[in-house]
C-alpha atoms as a PDB file:
ATOM      1  CA  MET A   1     156.323  87.960 137.403  1.00  0.00           C
ATOM      2  CA  LYS A   2     155.339  87.840 134.023  1.00  0.00           C
ATOM      3  CA  ASN A   3     153.784  84.045 132.938  1.00  0.00           C
ATOM      4  CA  ASN A   4     155.330  82.642 129.519  1.00  0.00           C
ATOM      5  CA  PRO A   5     152.615  82.277 127.569  1.00  0.00           C
ATOM      6  CA  ALA A   6     151.465  78.421 126.855  1.00  0.00           C
ATOM      7  CA  THR A   7     152.981  76.440 124.075  1.00  0.00           C
ATOM      8  CA  ILE A   8     151.559  73.327 122.125  1.00  0.00           C
ATOM      9  CA  LYS A   9     154.072  71.286 124.137  1.00  0.00           C
ATOM     10  CA  ASP A  10     152.462  72.665 127.444  1.00  0.00           C
ATOM     11  CA  ILE A  11     149.107  71.421 126.298  1.00  0.00           C
ATOM     12  CA  ALA A  12     150.502  68.455 124.950  1.00  0.00           C
ATOM     13  CA  ARG A  13     152.300  67.452 128.463  1.00  0.00           C
ATOM     14  CA  LYS A  14     149.081  68.222 130.261  1.00  0.00           C
ATOM     15  CA  LEU A  15     147.050  65.587 128.098  1.00  0.00           C
ATOM     16  CA  ASN A  16     149.696  63.258 127.667  1.00  0.00           C
ATOM     17  CA  LEU A  17     148.979  63.356 123.926  1.00  0.00           C
ATOM     18  CA  SER A  18     151.699  64.050 121.178  1.00  0.00           C
ATOM     19  CA  VAL A  19     152.818  67.792 120.082  1.00  0.00           C
ATOM     20  CA  THR A  20     151.657  66.222 116.466  1.00  0.00           C
ATOM     21  CA  THR A  21     148.420  65.351 117.753  1.00  0.00           C
ATOM     22  CA  ILE A  22     147.951  68.917 119.585  1.00  0.00           C
ATOM     23  CA  SER A  23     148.859  70.491 116.466  1.00  0.00           C
ATOM     24  CA  LYS A  24     146.711  68.610 113.802  1.00  0.00           C
ATOM     25  CA  ALA A  25     143.554  69.008 116.388  1.00  0.00           C
ATOM     26  CA  LEU A  26     144.394  73.103 116.731  1.00  0.00           C
ATOM     27  CA  ARG A  27     144.686  73.509 112.977  1.00  0.00           C
ATOM     28  CA  GLY A  28     141.329  71.494 112.557  1.00  0.00           C
ATOM     29  CA  MET A  29     143.235  68.428 110.814  1.00  0.00           C
ATOM     30  CA  PRO A  30     140.514  65.741 109.819  1.00  0.00           C
ATOM     31  CA  ASP A  31     142.347  62.959 110.946  1.00  0.00           C
ATOM     32  CA  ILE A  32     141.799  63.453 114.855  1.00  0.00           C
ATOM     33  CA  SER A  33     138.565  62.339 116.394  1.00  0.00           C
ATOM     34  CA  VAL A  34     135.793  65.221 117.179  1.00  0.00           C
ATOM     35  CA  PRO A  35     136.077  64.183 121.085  1.00  0.00           C
ATOM     36  CA  THR A  36     139.758  64.583 121.130  1.00  0.00           C
ATOM     37  CA  ARG A  37     139.553  67.656 118.980  1.00  0.00           C
ATOM     38  CA  GLN A  38     136.985  68.980 121.420  1.00  0.00           C
ATOM     39  CA  LEU A  39     139.112  68.022 124.829  1.00  0.00           C
ATOM     40  CA  ILE A  40     142.381  69.948 122.996  1.00  0.00           C
ATOM     41  CA  VAL A  41     140.385  73.196 121.936  1.00  0.00           C
ATOM     42  CA  GLU A  42     139.038  73.409 125.162  1.00  0.00           C
ATOM     43  CA  THR A  43     142.073  72.749 127.237  1.00  0.00           C
ATOM     44  CA  ALA A  44     144.063  75.647 125.117  1.00  0.00           C
ATOM     45  CA  ARG A  45     141.331  77.743 125.628  1.00  0.00           C
ATOM     46  CA  GLN A  46     141.851  77.314 129.464  1.00  0.00           C
ATOM     47  CA  MET A  47     145.493  77.759 129.215  1.00  0.00           C
ATOM     48  CA  ASP A  48     145.073  80.638 127.214  1.00  0.00           C
ATOM     49  CA  TYR A  49     146.951  79.179 124.421  1.00  0.00           C
ATOM     50  CA  GLN A  50     147.551  81.766 121.528  1.00  0.00           C
ATOM     51  CA  PRO A  51     149.118  80.630 118.136  1.00  0.00           C
ATOM     52  CA  ASN A  52     152.477  82.349 117.451  1.00  0.00           C
ATOM     53  CA  PRO A  53     151.628  84.077 113.973  1.00  0.00           C
ATOM     54  CA  ILE A  54     155.616  84.535 113.510  1.00  0.00           C
ATOM     55  CA  ALA A  55     156.103  80.456 113.523  1.00  0.00           C
ATOM     56  CA  GLN A  56     153.139  80.203 111.493  1.00  0.00           C
ATOM     57  CA  SER A  57     153.910  82.143 108.526  1.00  0.00           C
ATOM     58  CA  LEU A  58     157.584  80.751 108.815  1.00  0.00           C
ATOM     59  CA  VAL A  59     155.592  77.218 108.040  1.00  0.00           C
ATOM     60  CA  LYS A  60     153.172  78.809 105.742  1.00  0.00           C
ATOM     61  CA  ASN A  61     155.443  80.985 103.927  1.00  0.00           C
ATOM     62  CA  GLN A  62     152.445  83.739 104.594  1.00  0.00           C
ATOM     63  CA  THR A  63     152.172  86.178 107.207  1.00  0.00           C
ATOM     64  CA  HIS A  64     148.757  87.222 105.942  1.00  0.00           C
ATOM     65  CA  ASN A  65     149.357  90.841 106.154  1.00  0.00           C
ATOM     66  CA  ILE A  66     149.302  93.207 103.301  1.00  0.00           C
ATOM     67  CA  GLY A  67     151.244  96.412 102.529  1.00  0.00           C
ATOM     68  CA  VAL A  68     149.306  99.354 101.767  1.00  0.00           C
ATOM     69  CA  ILE A  69     151.138 102.646 100.555  1.00  0.00           C
ATOM     70  CA  ILE A  70     149.205 105.891  99.944  1.00  0.00           C
ATOM     71  CA  PRO A  71     150.109 109.389  98.913  1.00  0.00           C
ATOM     72  CA  SER A  72     148.781 110.837 102.038  1.00  0.00           C
ATOM     73  CA  PHE A  73     146.485 110.743 105.137  1.00  0.00           C
ATOM     74  CA  THR A  74     145.131 113.955 104.429  1.00  0.00           C
ATOM     75  CA  ILE A  75     143.426 112.982 101.010  1.00  0.00           C
ATOM     76  CA  PRO A  76     140.051 111.938 102.086  1.00  0.00           C
ATOM     77  CA  PHE A  77     139.993 109.869  99.204  1.00  0.00           C
ATOM     78  CA  TYR A  78     142.381 107.482 100.748  1.00  0.00           C
ATOM     79  CA  ALA A  79     140.261 106.919 103.708  1.00  0.00           C
ATOM     80  CA  SER A  80     137.303 105.426 101.862  1.00  0.00           C
ATOM     81  CA  ALA A  81     139.704 103.661  99.789  1.00  0.00           C
ATOM     82  CA  ILE A  82     141.378 101.869 102.778  1.00  0.00           C
ATOM     83  CA  SER A  83     137.901 100.841 104.427  1.00  0.00           C
ATOM     84  CA  GLY A  84     137.347  98.832 101.069  1.00  0.00           C
ATOM     85  CA  ILE A  85     140.752  97.287 101.151  1.00  0.00           C
ATOM     86  CA  GLN A  86     140.348  96.629 104.912  1.00  0.00           C
ATOM     87  CA  GLN A  87     137.047  95.223 104.878  1.00  0.00           C
ATOM     88  CA  THR A  88     137.696  92.947 102.157  1.00  0.00           C
ATOM     89  CA  ALA A  89     141.064  91.947 103.440  1.00  0.00           C
ATOM     90  CA  ALA A  90     139.472  91.496 106.914  1.00  0.00           C
ATOM     91  CA  GLU A  91     136.761  89.075 105.093  1.00  0.00           C
ATOM     92  CA  ALA A  92     139.678  86.593 103.802  1.00  0.00           C
ATOM     93  CA  GLY A  93     141.489  86.814 107.019  1.00  0.00           C
ATOM     94  CA  TYR A  94     143.860  89.343 106.531  1.00  0.00           C
ATOM     95  CA  ASN A  95     145.416  92.279 108.051  1.00  0.00           C
ATOM     96  CA  ILE A  96     146.917  95.608 106.711  1.00  0.00           C
ATOM     97  CA  MET A  97     149.458  97.866 107.401  1.00  0.00           C
ATOM     98  CA  VAL A  98     149.157 101.318 105.868  1.00  0.00           C
ATOM     99  CA  CYS A  99     152.098 103.792 105.121  1.00  0.00           C
ATOM    100  CA  GLN A 100     152.131 107.392 103.904  1.00  0.00           C
ATOM    101  CA  SER A 101     154.626 108.348 101.336  1.00  0.00           C
ATOM    102  CA  ASN A 102     153.541 112.085 101.995  1.00  0.00           C
ATOM    103  CA  GLU A 103     153.840 112.696  98.213  1.00  0.00           C
ATOM    104  CA  SER A 104     157.757 111.874  98.253  1.00  0.00           C
ATOM    105  CA  VAL A 105     159.107 109.144  96.107  1.00  0.00           C
ATOM    106  CA  ALA A 106     162.148 108.441  98.427  1.00  0.00           C
ATOM    107  CA  THR A 107     159.652 107.537 101.337  1.00  0.00           C
ATOM    108  CA  GLU A 108     157.825 105.423  99.081  1.00  0.00           C
ATOM    109  CA  ILE A 109     160.659 103.608  98.206  1.00  0.00           C
ATOM    110  CA  THR A 110     161.578 103.173 101.996  1.00  0.00           C
ATOM    111  CA  TYR A 111     158.314 102.174 102.960  1.00  0.00           C
ATOM    112  CA  THR A 112     158.312  99.900 100.116  1.00  0.00           C
ATOM    113  CA  GLN A 113     161.513  97.849 101.375  1.00  0.00           C
ATOM    114  CA  LEU A 114     160.264  98.129 104.718  1.00  0.00           C
ATOM    115  CA  LEU A 115     157.361  96.625 104.369  1.00  0.00           C
ATOM    116  CA  LEU A 116     158.923  93.581 102.657  1.00  0.00           C
ATOM    117  CA  ASN A 117     161.282  93.503 105.194  1.00  0.00           C
ATOM    118  CA  ASN A 118     158.417  92.845 107.487  1.00  0.00           C
ATOM    119  CA  ARG A 119     157.300  90.171 105.417  1.00  0.00           C
ATOM    120  CA  VAL A 120     154.188  91.525 104.459  1.00  0.00           C
ATOM    121  CA  ASP A 121     152.479  88.709 101.521  1.00  0.00           C
ATOM    122  CA  GLY A 122     152.552  91.607  98.946  1.00  0.00           C
ATOM    123  CA  LEU A 123     151.536  95.503  98.621  1.00  0.00           C
ATOM    124  CA  ILE A 124     148.750  97.626  97.114  1.00  0.00           C
ATOM    125  CA  VAL A 125     150.189 100.902  96.379  1.00  0.00           C
ATOM    126  CA  SER A 126     148.919 104.391  95.317  1.00  0.00           C
ATOM    127  CA  LEU A 127     151.834 106.262  93.457  1.00  0.00           C
ATOM    128  CA  SER A 128     153.244 109.551  95.024  1.00  0.00           C
ATOM    129  CA  ARG A 129     152.592 112.417  92.545  1.00  0.00           C
ATOM    130  CA  GLU A 130     156.649 112.334  92.641  1.00  0.00           C
ATOM    131  CA  THR A 131     157.245 108.800  91.188  1.00  0.00           C
ATOM    132  CA  THR A 132     158.558 108.625  87.704  1.00  0.00           C
ATOM    133  CA  SER A 133     160.490 105.738  88.081  1.00  0.00           C
ATOM    134  CA  PHE A 134     159.117 102.221  88.727  1.00  0.00           C
ATOM    135  CA  ASP A 135     162.462 100.214  89.709  1.00  0.00           C
ATOM    136  CA  HIS A 136     161.688  99.823  93.506  1.00  0.00           C
ATOM    137  CA  PHE A 137     158.779  97.862  92.247  1.00  0.00           C
ATOM    138  CA  ALA A 138     160.710  95.412  89.971  1.00  0.00           C
ATOM    139  CA  PRO A 139     162.018  93.005  92.643  1.00  0.00           C
ATOM    140  CA  LEU A 140     158.623  92.505  93.542  1.00  0.00           C
ATOM    141  CA  ILE A 141     157.405  91.117  89.842  1.00  0.00           C
ATOM    142  CA  ARG A 142     160.845  89.411  89.574  1.00  0.00           C
ATOM    143  CA  ARG A 143     159.908  87.201  92.912  1.00  0.00           C
ATOM    144  CA  SER A 144     156.121  86.885  91.792  1.00  0.00           C
ATOM    145  CA  ILE A 145     155.125  88.997  95.302  1.00  0.00           C
ATOM    146  CA  PRO A 146     151.317  90.330  94.853  1.00  0.00           C
ATOM    147  CA  LEU A 147     151.399  93.871  93.520  1.00  0.00           C
ATOM    148  CA  VAL A 148     147.875  96.097  92.758  1.00  0.00           C
ATOM    149  CA  PHE A 149     148.025  99.640  92.057  1.00  0.00           C
ATOM    150  CA  PHE A 150     145.056 101.817  92.402  1.00  0.00           C
ATOM    151  CA  ASN A 151     144.212 105.332  91.428  1.00  0.00           C
ATOM    152  CA  ARG A 152     147.160 106.649  90.602  1.00  0.00           C
ATOM    153  CA  VAL A 153     148.967 103.932  88.573  1.00  0.00           C
ATOM    154  CA  SER A 154     151.692 103.021  86.135  1.00  0.00           C
ATOM    155  CA  GLU A 155     150.992 101.754  82.417  1.00  0.00           C
ATOM    156  CA  GLU A 156     154.704 100.743  82.091  1.00  0.00           C
ATOM    157  CA  MET A 157     154.557  97.911  84.895  1.00  0.00           C
ATOM    158  CA  PRO A 158     152.675  94.583  84.423  1.00  0.00           C
ATOM    159  CA  VAL A 159     150.576  94.403  87.555  1.00  0.00           C
ATOM    160  CA  SER A 160     146.977  94.521  87.891  1.00  0.00           C
ATOM    161  CA  LYS A 161     145.236  98.098  88.681  1.00  0.00           C
ATOM    162  CA  VAL A 162     142.255  99.943  89.705  1.00  0.00           C
ATOM    163  CA  VAL A 163     141.508 102.850  87.898  1.00  0.00           C
ATOM    164  CA  VAL A 164     137.988 105.212  87.093  1.00  0.00           C
ATOM    165  CA  ASP A 165     137.316 106.024  83.473  1.00  0.00           C
ATOM    166  CA  ASP A 166     139.082 109.290  83.997  1.00  0.00           C
ATOM    167  CA  TYR A 167     138.802 110.378  80.514  1.00  0.00           C
ATOM    168  CA  GLN A 168     134.997 109.696  80.286  1.00  0.00           C
ATOM    169  CA  GLY A 169     134.636 111.707  83.633  1.00  0.00           C
ATOM    170  CA  ALA A 170     136.461 114.896  82.588  1.00  0.00           C
ATOM    171  CA  TYR A 171     134.944 114.660  79.078  1.00  0.00           C
ATOM    172  CA  ARG A 172     131.266 114.417  80.516  1.00  0.00           C
ATOM    173  CA  ALA A 173     131.909 117.141  83.466  1.00  0.00           C
ATOM    174  CA  VAL A 174     133.285 119.582  80.380  1.00  0.00           C
ATOM    175  CA  SER A 175     130.405 119.179  78.048  1.00  0.00           C
ATOM    176  CA  TYR A 176     128.130 119.529  80.971  1.00  0.00           C
ATOM    177  CA  LEU A 177     129.910 123.302  81.384  1.00  0.00           C
ATOM    178  CA  ILE A 178     129.453 123.656  77.723  1.00  0.00           C
ATOM    179  CA  GLU A 179     125.781 122.617  77.804  1.00  0.00           C
ATOM    180  CA  ARG A 180     125.152 125.166  80.252  1.00  0.00           C
ATOM    181  CA  GLY A 181     126.909 127.880  78.375  1.00  0.00           C
ATOM    182  CA  CYS A 182     130.151 127.963  79.506  1.00  0.00           C
ATOM    183  CA  ARG A 183     132.959 128.687  76.265  1.00  0.00           C
ATOM    184  CA  ARG A 184     135.946 129.889  77.914  1.00  0.00           C
ATOM    185  CA  ILE A 185     136.536 126.835  80.458  1.00  0.00           C
ATOM    186  CA  ALA A 186     139.845 126.497  81.862  1.00  0.00           C
ATOM    187  CA  HIS A 187     141.380 123.666  83.640  1.00  0.00           C
ATOM    188  CA  ILE A 188     143.593 123.289  86.572  1.00  0.00           C
ATOM    189  CA  ALA A 189     145.835 119.878  85.900  1.00  0.00           C
ATOM    190  CA  GLY A 190     147.391 117.613  88.100  1.00  0.00           C
ATOM    191  CA  PRO A 191     151.059 116.681  87.601  1.00  0.00           C
ATOM    192  CA  GLU A 192     152.080 115.739  84.018  1.00  0.00           C
ATOM    193  CA  ASN A 193     153.601 112.143  85.029  1.00  0.00           C
ATOM    194  CA  LEU A 194     150.413 111.140  86.530  1.00  0.00           C
ATOM    195  CA  LEU A 195     148.441 108.869  84.242  1.00  0.00           C
ATOM    196  CA  LEU A 196     145.159 110.617  85.650  1.00  0.00           C
ATOM    197  CA  SER A 197     146.171 113.776  85.114  1.00  0.00           C
ATOM    198  CA  GLN A 198     146.907 112.773  81.491  1.00  0.00           C
ATOM    199  CA  GLN A 199     143.630 110.909  81.154  1.00  0.00           C
ATOM    200  CA  ARG A 200     141.428 113.926  82.877  1.00  0.00           C
ATOM    201  CA  LEU A 201     143.291 116.476  80.632  1.00  0.00           C
ATOM    202  CA  LYS A 202     142.861 114.506  77.431  1.00  0.00           C
ATOM    203  CA  GLY A 203     139.108 114.521  78.149  1.00  0.00           C
ATOM    204  CA  TYR A 204     138.925 118.251  78.845  1.00  0.00           C
ATOM    205  CA  VAL A 205     140.581 118.913  75.582  1.00  0.00           C
ATOM    206  CA  ASP A 206     138.521 116.560  73.470  1.00  0.00           C
ATOM    207  CA  ALA A 207     135.136 117.989  74.910  1.00  0.00           C
ATOM    208  CA  MET A 208     136.313 121.798  73.867  1.00  0.00           C
ATOM    209  CA  ARG A 209     137.439 120.806  70.690  1.00  0.00           C
ATOM    210  CA  GLU A 210     134.709 118.967  69.543  1.00  0.00           C
ATOM    211  CA  ALA A 211     132.312 121.598  70.625  1.00  0.00           C
ATOM    212  CA  GLY A 212     134.499 124.055  68.275  1.00  0.00           C
ATOM    213  CA  LEU A 213     136.149 125.490  71.513  1.00  0.00           C
ATOM    214  CA  SER A 214     139.413 127.036  71.416  1.00  0.00           C
ATOM    215  CA  VAL A 215     141.707 125.711  74.220  1.00  0.00           C
ATOM    216  CA  PRO A 216     144.777 128.644  74.721  1.00  0.00           C
ATOM    217  CA  ASP A 217     147.687 127.107  76.316  1.00  0.00           C
ATOM    218  CA  GLU A 218     147.192 129.662  79.224  1.00  0.00           C
ATOM    219  CA  TYR A 219     144.075 128.042  80.001  1.00  0.00           C
ATOM    220  CA  ILE A 220     145.700 124.720  80.928  1.00  0.00           C
ATOM    221  CA  ARG A 221     147.879 125.223  84.518  1.00  0.00           C
ATOM    222  CA  HIS A 222     149.570 121.860  85.708  1.00  0.00           C
ATOM    223  CA  GLY A 223     149.623 122.000  89.505  1.00  0.00           C
ATOM    224  CA  ASP A 224     149.967 119.478  92.640  1.00  0.00           C
ATOM    225  CA  LEU A 225     146.404 118.381  93.743  1.00  0.00           C
ATOM    226  CA  THR A 226     145.943 120.702  96.209  1.00  0.00           C
ATOM    227  CA  ILE A 227     143.842 123.303  97.567  1.00  0.00           C
ATOM    228  CA  ALA A 228     146.654 125.986  97.844  1.00  0.00           C
ATOM    229  CA  ASN A 229     147.748 125.695  94.681  1.00  0.00           C
ATOM    230  CA  GLY A 230     144.512 125.274  93.237  1.00  0.00           C
ATOM    231  CA  ALA A 231     143.657 128.794  94.738  1.00  0.00           C
ATOM    232  CA  PHE A 232     147.191 130.607  92.904  1.00  0.00           C
ATOM    233  CA  ILE A 233     146.744 129.219  89.573  1.00  0.00           C
ATOM    234  CA  THR A 234     142.912 130.705  89.659  1.00  0.00           C
ATOM    235  CA  SER A 235     144.162 133.754  90.642  1.00  0.00           C
ATOM    236  CA  GLU A 236     146.480 134.078  87.698  1.00  0.00           C
ATOM    237  CA  LEU A 237     143.837 132.956  85.664  1.00  0.00           C
ATOM    238  CA  LEU A 238     141.407 135.554  86.630  1.00  0.00           C
ATOM    239  CA  THR A 239     143.976 138.326  85.995  1.00  0.00           C
ATOM    240  CA  ASP A 240     144.328 137.347  82.604  1.00  0.00           C
ATOM    241  CA  VAL A 241     142.979 139.694  79.604  1.00  0.00           C
ATOM    242  CA  ASN A 242     140.282 137.075  78.688  1.00  0.00           C
ATOM    243  CA  PRO A 243     139.467 135.140  82.239  1.00  0.00           C
ATOM    244  CA  PRO A 244     137.618 132.180  82.149  1.00  0.00           C
ATOM    245  CA  ASP A 245     134.325 131.468  83.033  1.00  0.00           C
ATOM    246  CA  ALA A 246     134.675 128.314  84.119  1.00  0.00           C
ATOM    247  CA  VAL A 247     136.726 126.077  85.780  1.00  0.00           C
ATOM    248  CA  PHE A 248     137.251 122.326  85.604  1.00  0.00           C
ATOM    249  CA  ALA A 249     139.854 120.769  88.186  1.00  0.00           C
ATOM    250  CA  VAL A 250     141.755 117.891  88.292  1.00  0.00           C
ATOM    251  CA  CYS A 251     140.553 117.149  92.072  1.00  0.00           C
ATOM    252  CA  ASP A 252     138.163 118.466  94.404  1.00  0.00           C
ATOM    253  CA  SER A 253     140.977 120.072  96.519  1.00  0.00           C
ATOM    254  CA  ALA A 254     142.161 121.980  93.365  1.00  0.00           C
ATOM    255  CA  ALA A 255     138.260 123.131  93.187  1.00  0.00           C
ATOM    256  CA  PHE A 256     138.011 124.428  96.390  1.00  0.00           C
ATOM    257  CA  GLY A 257     141.055 126.358  96.079  1.00  0.00           C
ATOM    258  CA  ALA A 258     139.148 127.982  92.664  1.00  0.00           C
ATOM    259  CA  LEU A 259     136.343 128.580  95.362  1.00  0.00           C
ATOM    260  CA  GLN A 260     138.670 130.346  97.771  1.00  0.00           C
ATOM    261  CA  ALA A 261     140.322 132.454  94.764  1.00  0.00           C
ATOM    262  CA  ALA A 262     136.522 133.470  93.333  1.00  0.00           C
ATOM    263  CA  LYS A 263     135.314 134.529  96.578  1.00  0.00           C
ATOM    264  CA  SER A 264     138.278 136.491  97.436  1.00  0.00           C
ATOM    265  CA  ARG A 265     137.500 138.564  94.192  1.00  0.00           C
ATOM    266  CA  GLU A 266     133.792 138.611  95.429  1.00  0.00           C
ATOM    267  CA  LEU A 267     132.841 136.801  92.041  1.00  0.00           C
ATOM    268  CA  ASN A 268     129.412 135.158  92.196  1.00  0.00           C
ATOM    269  CA  ILE A 269     129.532 131.661  91.767  1.00  0.00           C
ATOM    270  CA  PRO A 270     128.435 130.123  89.164  1.00  0.00           C
ATOM    271  CA  SER A 271     127.319 133.270  87.212  1.00  0.00           C
ATOM    272  CA  ASP A 272     130.734 134.936  87.177  1.00  0.00           C
ATOM    273  CA  LEU A 273     132.405 131.905  87.135  1.00  0.00           C
ATOM    274  CA  ALA A 274     131.544 128.081  87.182  1.00  0.00           C
ATOM    275  CA  LEU A 275     133.425 125.247  89.033  1.00  0.00           C
ATOM    276  CA  VAL A 276     133.568 121.439  88.382  1.00  0.00           C
ATOM    277  CA  GLY A 277     135.929 119.425  90.288  1.00  0.00           C
ATOM    278  CA  PHE A 278     136.553 115.588  90.660  1.00  0.00           C
ATOM    279  CA  THR A 279     136.034 112.963  93.326  1.00  0.00           C
ATOM    280  CA  ASP A 280     133.041 114.217  95.465  1.00  0.00           C
ATOM    281  CA  GLU A 281     135.051 114.297  98.670  1.00  0.00           C
ATOM    282  CA  PRO A 282     132.578 114.772 101.631  1.00  0.00           C
ATOM    283  CA  VAL A 283     133.097 118.093 101.758  1.00  0.00           C
ATOM    284  CA  ALA A 284     132.086 119.119  98.183  1.00  0.00           C
ATOM    285  CA  ALA A 285     128.465 118.802  99.189  1.00  0.00           C
ATOM    286  CA  ILE A 286     128.688 121.383 102.430  1.00  0.00           C
ATOM    287  CA  VAL A 287     130.886 123.967 101.043  1.00  0.00           C
ATOM    288  CA  GLU A 288     129.275 127.190  99.842  1.00  0.00           C
ATOM    289  CA  PRO A 289     127.952 127.020  97.110  1.00  0.00           C
ATOM    290  CA  ALA A 290     128.066 123.267  96.754  1.00  0.00           C
ATOM    291  CA  LEU A 291     130.466 121.884  94.475  1.00  0.00           C
ATOM    292  CA  THR A 292     129.510 120.128  91.122  1.00  0.00           C
ATOM    293  CA  THR A 293     131.803 117.379  90.770  1.00  0.00           C
ATOM    294  CA  VAL A 294     132.722 114.011  89.206  1.00  0.00           C
ATOM    295  CA  ALA A 295     132.070 110.921  91.786  1.00  0.00           C
ATOM    296  CA  GLN A 296     134.022 108.327  92.079  1.00  0.00           C
ATOM    297  CA  PRO A 297     133.298 105.054  93.568  1.00  0.00           C
ATOM    298  CA  ILE A 298     135.877 105.168  96.138  1.00  0.00           C
ATOM    299  CA  PHE A 299     135.134 102.434  98.617  1.00  0.00           C
ATOM    300  CA  ASP A 300     134.439  99.942  95.664  1.00  0.00           C
ATOM    301  CA  ILE A 301     138.202 101.071  94.549  1.00  0.00           C
ATOM    302  CA  GLY A 302     139.434  99.878  97.453  1.00  0.00           C
ATOM    303  CA  GLN A 303     137.494  96.573  97.292  1.00  0.00           C
ATOM    304  CA  VAL A 304     138.382  95.606  93.920  1.00  0.00           C
ATOM    305  CA  ALA A 305     142.045  96.264  94.707  1.00  0.00           C
ATOM    306  CA  ALA A 306     141.904  93.893  97.938  1.00  0.00           C
ATOM    307  CA  LYS A 307     140.128  91.319  95.683  1.00  0.00           C
ATOM    308  CA  LEU A 308     142.764  91.650  92.976  1.00  0.00           C
ATOM    309  CA  PHE A 309     145.653  90.975  95.489  1.00  0.00           C
ATOM    310  CA  LEU A 310     143.925  88.048  97.074  1.00  0.00           C
ATOM    311  CA  ASP A 311     143.240  86.438  93.388  1.00  0.00           C
ATOM    312  CA  GLN A 312     147.086  86.570  92.969  1.00  0.00           C
ATOM    313  CA  ILE A 313     147.741  85.454  95.985  1.00  0.00           C
ATOM    314  CA  ARG A 314     145.275  82.281  95.413  1.00  0.00           C
ATOM    315  CA  LEU A 315     146.240  81.728  91.994  1.00  0.00           C
ATOM    316  CA  GLY A 316     150.204  82.097  92.232  1.00  0.00           C
ATOM    317  CA  GLU A 317     152.175  81.992  89.249  1.00  0.00           C
ATOM    318  CA  SER A 318     149.185  81.470  86.879  1.00  0.00           C
ATOM    319  CA  TYR A 319     147.774  84.894  87.837  1.00  0.00           C
ATOM    320  CA  THR A 320     147.049  87.388  84.752  1.00  0.00           C
ATOM    321  CA  PRO A 321     147.258  91.148  85.618  1.00  0.00           C
ATOM    322  CA  THR A 322     144.335  92.845  84.758  1.00  0.00           C
ATOM    323  CA  THR A 323     143.046  96.445  84.837  1.00  0.00           C
ATOM    324  CA  HIS A 324     139.731  97.208  86.434  1.00  0.00           C
ATOM    325  CA  VAL A 325     137.949 100.374  84.992  1.00  0.00           C
ATOM    326  CA  LEU A 326     135.004 101.578  87.278  1.00  0.00           C
ATOM    327  CA  GLU A 327     132.731 104.073  85.865  1.00  0.00           C
ATOM    328  CA  THR A 328     132.451 107.847  87.586  1.00  0.00           C
ATOM    329  CA  ARG A 329     128.921 109.862  87.668  1.00  0.00           C
ATOM    330  CA  LEU A 330     128.510 113.334  87.563  1.00  0.00           C
ATOM    331  CA  VAL A 331     126.862 115.077  90.469  1.00  0.00           C
ATOM    332  CA  VAL A 332     125.538 118.534  89.785  1.00  0.00           C
ATOM    333  CA  ARG A 333     125.352 120.898  92.710  1.00  0.00           C
ATOM    334  CA  GLN A 334     125.192 124.845  93.115  1.00  0.00           C
ATOM    335  CA  SER A 335     129.006 125.546  91.728  1.00  0.00           C
ATOM    336  CA  THR A 336     127.672 125.459  87.892  1.00  0.00           C
ATOM    337  CA  PRO A 337     124.614 127.438  86.135  1.00  0.00           C
END
């Protein structure tokens, strides 16, 4: 037969003390003497007493659970970012509950409501590539529920955000290609609605124009951030009358697709086609040739997102949303001259 877990009332009955005294001792309240507290804690241990987290959350109006929504578990970026979130949250006594939207705004809406129904203390979110409306986050703002966006963010929402300097990272990458002699540089861009896609595209265009290079419309192709789409776009680019001599991709996955397409045509990389990605996924260093890419401090992004969340918990309604912009760095490998 399954034994019922010990309760505070059971401990009080065993020690012939009041429930209030037991509760205060287990919460470390200073008005309980040290000998009495030690006796109560040891008795609780012997009776295998475990606090009821649901009851505690009802009293404190906090569950110490943070909901995290990411676009996909298959994107390596988010494994590292979640590790950063989890480490910082755990140090503060919080747990995280992670859901993936699978790049679907409908699923993102569903999990936003599901996590709130499960009484998480707030959300840390990276938007799906489909998300263009943010109405499903409005109730959090109205109710002062902590909300932090990271990586894929919206400028429309008055919430804290953690991003990298996408513009400068792209500008530096394209400038490097130009310095190495590339002139016909194409860009595999991301979904037009994503802010990071917009900023990386702007960095590309500005670097090209400031170098006096033309940017033909056909050299800018918007994709869906996947390997397959990167390969498809690159295959199309290489069939142009005036094919590019370099490709700057919005992310490493698109760059890996470009690499596949170039290899299928038996092109030499980088002499026939130079490639630069953005993220510095672990695979970037081991593909052949190794990929030059813009590295993001992914673990730090997760940590900063969690810190901003905890700041909002601590400060409550006096908290002012802020945007943290972290720096990138260009990692030069064998895919560029």
